[in-house]
N, C-alpha and C. Protein backbone atom coordinates (compact mmCIF):
# COMPACT_ATOMS: atom_id res chain seq x y z
N UNK A 1 0.85 -1.16 0.00
CA UNK A 1 0.00 0.00 0.00
C UNK A 1 0.89 1.23 0.00
N UNK A 2 0.55 2.18 -0.83
CA UNK A 2 1.27 3.45 -0.86
C UNK A 2 0.25 4.54 -0.63
N UNK A 3 0.54 5.43 0.29
CA UNK A 3 -0.38 6.49 0.66
C UNK A 3 0.28 7.82 0.34
N UNK A 4 -0.29 8.57 -0.58
CA UNK A 4 0.30 9.82 -1.03
C UNK A 4 -0.48 11.02 -0.50
N UNK A 5 -0.73 11.09 0.77
CA UNK A 5 -1.37 12.26 1.35
C UNK A 5 -2.88 12.14 1.41
N UNK A 6 -3.48 13.25 1.76
CA UNK A 6 -4.90 13.27 2.05
C UNK A 6 -5.72 13.94 0.95
N UNK A 7 -5.20 14.05 -0.26
CA UNK A 7 -5.91 14.76 -1.33
C UNK A 7 -7.29 14.16 -1.58
N UNK A 8 -7.43 12.87 -1.45
CA UNK A 8 -8.72 12.22 -1.69
C UNK A 8 -9.50 11.97 -0.43
N UNK A 9 -9.10 12.57 0.67
CA UNK A 9 -9.77 12.32 1.95
C UNK A 9 -9.12 11.17 2.69
N UNK A 10 -9.70 10.81 3.79
CA UNK A 10 -9.16 9.70 4.58
C UNK A 10 -9.35 8.39 3.83
N UNK A 11 -8.32 7.53 3.81
CA UNK A 11 -8.49 6.22 3.18
C UNK A 11 -9.40 5.35 4.04
N UNK A 12 -9.98 4.31 3.44
CA UNK A 12 -10.82 3.42 4.24
C UNK A 12 -9.98 2.71 5.30
N UNK A 13 -10.63 2.33 6.37
CA UNK A 13 -9.93 1.61 7.44
C UNK A 13 -9.47 0.25 6.93
N UNK A 14 -8.35 -0.20 7.44
CA UNK A 14 -7.76 -1.47 7.05
C UNK A 14 -7.77 -2.39 8.26
N UNK A 15 -8.24 -3.62 8.06
CA UNK A 15 -8.20 -4.62 9.11
C UNK A 15 -6.81 -5.24 9.10
N UNK A 16 -6.02 -4.95 10.12
CA UNK A 16 -4.63 -5.43 10.14
C UNK A 16 -4.53 -6.95 10.21
N UNK A 17 -5.55 -7.62 10.75
CA UNK A 17 -5.53 -9.08 10.75
C UNK A 17 -5.61 -9.62 9.32
N UNK A 18 -6.40 -8.99 8.45
CA UNK A 18 -6.45 -9.39 7.04
C UNK A 18 -5.08 -9.21 6.38
N UNK A 19 -4.42 -8.13 6.71
CA UNK A 19 -3.09 -7.86 6.15
C UNK A 19 -2.10 -8.93 6.60
N UNK A 20 -2.10 -9.24 7.88
CA UNK A 20 -1.16 -10.23 8.41
C UNK A 20 -1.44 -11.62 7.86
N UNK A 21 -2.69 -11.98 7.66
CA UNK A 21 -3.02 -13.30 7.13
C UNK A 21 -2.45 -13.52 5.73
N UNK A 22 -2.25 -12.44 4.98
CA UNK A 22 -1.72 -12.54 3.62
C UNK A 22 -0.22 -12.28 3.58
N UNK A 23 0.41 -12.22 4.73
CA UNK A 23 1.85 -11.93 4.84
C UNK A 23 2.21 -10.62 4.18
N UNK A 24 1.32 -9.63 4.26
CA UNK A 24 1.59 -8.32 3.74
C UNK A 24 2.13 -7.44 4.86
N UNK A 25 2.67 -6.31 4.49
CA UNK A 25 3.29 -5.41 5.45
C UNK A 25 2.79 -4.00 5.21
N UNK A 26 2.53 -3.30 6.27
CA UNK A 26 2.27 -1.87 6.18
C UNK A 26 3.40 -1.18 6.92
N UNK A 27 4.18 -0.41 6.19
CA UNK A 27 5.28 0.33 6.79
C UNK A 27 4.94 1.80 6.75
N UNK A 28 5.30 2.51 7.77
CA UNK A 28 5.02 3.93 7.79
C UNK A 28 6.33 4.70 7.71
N UNK A 29 6.20 5.91 7.32
CA UNK A 29 7.37 6.76 7.22
C UNK A 29 6.92 8.15 6.84
N UNK A 30 7.83 9.01 6.83
CA UNK A 30 7.52 10.41 6.62
C UNK A 30 8.78 11.05 6.07
N UNK A 31 8.62 12.00 5.19
CA UNK A 31 9.78 12.66 4.61
C UNK A 31 10.74 13.15 5.67
N UNK A 32 10.21 13.65 6.76
CA UNK A 32 11.06 14.23 7.80
C UNK A 32 11.84 13.17 8.57
N UNK A 33 11.48 11.88 8.40
CA UNK A 33 12.28 10.81 8.99
C UNK A 33 13.60 10.63 8.24
N UNK A 34 13.62 11.04 6.97
CA UNK A 34 14.78 10.84 6.12
C UNK A 34 15.58 12.12 5.90
N UNK A 35 14.88 13.24 5.85
CA UNK A 35 15.55 14.52 5.63
C UNK A 35 15.51 15.29 6.95
N UNK A 36 16.49 15.04 7.79
CA UNK A 36 16.42 15.52 9.17
C UNK A 36 17.10 16.86 9.40
N UNK A 37 17.66 17.45 8.34
CA UNK A 37 18.30 18.75 8.53
C UNK A 37 18.03 19.63 7.31
N UNK A 38 18.16 20.92 7.51
CA UNK A 38 18.00 21.87 6.40
C UNK A 38 19.00 21.56 5.29
N UNK A 39 20.23 21.27 5.66
CA UNK A 39 21.27 21.01 4.68
C UNK A 39 20.93 19.79 3.82
N UNK A 40 20.40 18.75 4.44
CA UNK A 40 20.04 17.54 3.69
C UNK A 40 18.86 17.82 2.75
N UNK A 41 17.87 18.57 3.20
CA UNK A 41 16.74 18.94 2.34
C UNK A 41 17.22 19.80 1.17
N UNK A 42 18.13 20.73 1.43
CA UNK A 42 18.65 21.59 0.38
C UNK A 42 19.45 20.77 -0.64
N UNK A 43 20.26 19.85 -0.18
CA UNK A 43 21.08 19.02 -1.06
C UNK A 43 20.18 18.15 -1.95
N UNK A 44 19.16 17.54 -1.36
CA UNK A 44 18.27 16.67 -2.12
C UNK A 44 17.43 17.47 -3.12
N UNK A 45 16.93 18.63 -2.71
CA UNK A 45 16.11 19.42 -3.63
C UNK A 45 16.96 19.94 -4.78
N UNK A 46 18.21 20.33 -4.52
CA UNK A 46 19.09 20.78 -5.61
C UNK A 46 19.31 19.65 -6.61
N UNK A 47 19.52 18.45 -6.10
CA UNK A 47 19.71 17.30 -7.00
C UNK A 47 18.47 17.07 -7.86
N UNK A 48 17.29 17.14 -7.25
CA UNK A 48 16.05 16.95 -8.00
C UNK A 48 15.88 18.03 -9.06
N UNK A 49 16.05 19.31 -8.69
CA UNK A 49 15.87 20.39 -9.65
C UNK A 49 16.92 20.34 -10.76
N UNK A 50 18.12 19.88 -10.45
CA UNK A 50 19.15 19.73 -11.48
C UNK A 50 18.72 18.73 -12.55
N UNK A 51 17.98 17.68 -12.15
CA UNK A 51 17.48 16.74 -13.14
C UNK A 51 16.60 17.46 -14.17
N UNK A 52 15.74 18.36 -13.71
CA UNK A 52 14.89 19.12 -14.62
C UNK A 52 15.72 20.07 -15.49
N UNK A 53 16.61 20.83 -14.84
CA UNK A 53 17.40 21.83 -15.57
C UNK A 53 18.31 21.19 -16.61
N UNK A 54 18.80 19.99 -16.34
CA UNK A 54 19.70 19.30 -17.27
C UNK A 54 18.97 18.45 -18.29
N UNK A 55 17.65 18.43 -18.25
CA UNK A 55 16.87 17.68 -19.22
C UNK A 55 16.79 16.20 -18.95
N UNK A 56 17.15 15.74 -17.74
CA UNK A 56 17.05 14.32 -17.41
C UNK A 56 15.61 13.91 -17.14
N UNK A 57 14.78 14.86 -16.73
CA UNK A 57 13.36 14.62 -16.50
C UNK A 57 12.59 15.64 -17.34
N UNK A 58 11.67 15.13 -18.14
CA UNK A 58 10.85 16.01 -18.97
C UNK A 58 9.39 15.82 -18.58
N UNK A 59 8.67 16.92 -18.54
CA UNK A 59 7.26 16.87 -18.23
C UNK A 59 6.45 16.98 -19.51
N UNK A 60 5.40 16.17 -19.61
CA UNK A 60 4.49 16.26 -20.75
C UNK A 60 3.52 17.42 -20.53
N UNK A 61 3.19 18.09 -21.60
CA UNK A 61 2.17 19.13 -21.51
C UNK A 61 0.84 18.45 -21.20
N UNK A 62 -0.03 19.12 -20.48
CA UNK A 62 -1.32 18.49 -20.15
C UNK A 62 -2.19 18.33 -21.40
N UNK A 63 -3.02 17.32 -21.40
CA UNK A 63 -4.03 17.16 -22.44
C UNK A 63 -5.27 17.89 -21.95
N UNK A 64 -5.74 18.84 -22.75
CA UNK A 64 -6.83 19.72 -22.31
C UNK A 64 -8.09 19.43 -23.11
N UNK A 65 -9.18 19.23 -22.40
CA UNK A 65 -10.49 19.02 -22.99
C UNK A 65 -11.42 20.13 -22.53
N UNK A 66 -12.38 20.49 -23.38
CA UNK A 66 -13.45 21.37 -22.95
C UNK A 66 -14.31 20.58 -21.96
N UNK A 67 -14.96 21.28 -21.07
CA UNK A 67 -15.82 20.62 -20.10
C UNK A 67 -16.89 19.78 -20.80
N UNK A 68 -17.36 20.27 -21.94
CA UNK A 68 -18.38 19.53 -22.71
C UNK A 68 -17.82 18.23 -23.30
N UNK A 69 -16.50 18.07 -23.30
CA UNK A 69 -15.85 16.85 -23.81
C UNK A 69 -15.44 15.92 -22.68
N UNK A 70 -16.14 16.02 -21.56
CA UNK A 70 -15.80 15.22 -20.39
C UNK A 70 -15.77 13.73 -20.66
N UNK A 71 -16.71 13.23 -21.46
CA UNK A 71 -16.73 11.80 -21.77
C UNK A 71 -15.44 11.38 -22.47
N UNK A 72 -15.00 12.18 -23.45
CA UNK A 72 -13.76 11.86 -24.16
C UNK A 72 -12.56 11.88 -23.22
N UNK A 73 -12.55 12.83 -22.29
CA UNK A 73 -11.45 12.90 -21.32
C UNK A 73 -11.43 11.65 -20.44
N UNK A 74 -12.59 11.22 -19.98
CA UNK A 74 -12.66 10.01 -19.15
C UNK A 74 -12.29 8.77 -19.96
N UNK A 75 -12.73 8.73 -21.22
CA UNK A 75 -12.35 7.59 -22.07
C UNK A 75 -10.84 7.51 -22.23
N UNK A 76 -10.18 8.66 -22.44
CA UNK A 76 -8.72 8.66 -22.58
C UNK A 76 -8.06 8.20 -21.28
N UNK A 77 -8.54 8.71 -20.18
CA UNK A 77 -7.98 8.33 -18.88
C UNK A 77 -8.11 6.83 -18.65
N UNK A 78 -9.28 6.30 -18.93
CA UNK A 78 -9.52 4.87 -18.69
C UNK A 78 -8.80 3.97 -19.69
N UNK A 79 -8.43 4.52 -20.85
CA UNK A 79 -7.76 3.71 -21.88
C UNK A 79 -6.34 3.34 -21.50
N UNK A 80 -5.74 4.10 -20.59
CA UNK A 80 -4.34 3.86 -20.23
C UNK A 80 -3.36 4.39 -21.26
N UNK A 81 -3.84 5.14 -22.23
CA UNK A 81 -2.98 5.65 -23.30
C UNK A 81 -2.50 7.08 -23.03
N UNK A 82 -2.88 7.61 -21.91
CA UNK A 82 -2.48 8.99 -21.60
C UNK A 82 -1.27 9.01 -20.69
N UNK A 83 -0.56 10.11 -20.74
CA UNK A 83 0.50 10.35 -19.75
C UNK A 83 0.41 11.82 -19.38
N UNK A 84 0.71 12.13 -18.17
CA UNK A 84 0.59 13.51 -17.73
C UNK A 84 -0.83 13.82 -17.30
N UNK A 85 -1.06 15.09 -17.10
CA UNK A 85 -2.36 15.57 -16.61
C UNK A 85 -3.39 15.58 -17.73
N UNK A 86 -4.64 15.35 -17.34
CA UNK A 86 -5.78 15.54 -18.22
C UNK A 86 -6.63 16.61 -17.54
N UNK A 87 -6.82 17.72 -18.24
CA UNK A 87 -7.54 18.84 -17.66
C UNK A 87 -8.84 19.10 -18.39
N UNK A 88 -9.87 19.42 -17.63
CA UNK A 88 -11.15 19.86 -18.19
C UNK A 88 -11.26 21.35 -17.92
N UNK A 89 -11.50 22.15 -19.00
CA UNK A 89 -11.62 23.60 -18.83
C UNK A 89 -12.97 24.08 -19.35
């Protein structure tokens, strides 16, 4: 299980006995457990931004649909053929 914040609200409750029966693991952590100083955060963020500046990471432009084209936007999303953001305007 990977939990990327609360953007979608609280996740459903998990029965830990079900998890243990399947030999699964839930590990917790937090960015601040790994980046414990200002210097470490600065070093890591510089490395990340350098990837962008040097062209090692490229971002795709968003695919934009009119709000009236919502069905087409959902079809593209569900097709698995999209990459990047899909925006309705």
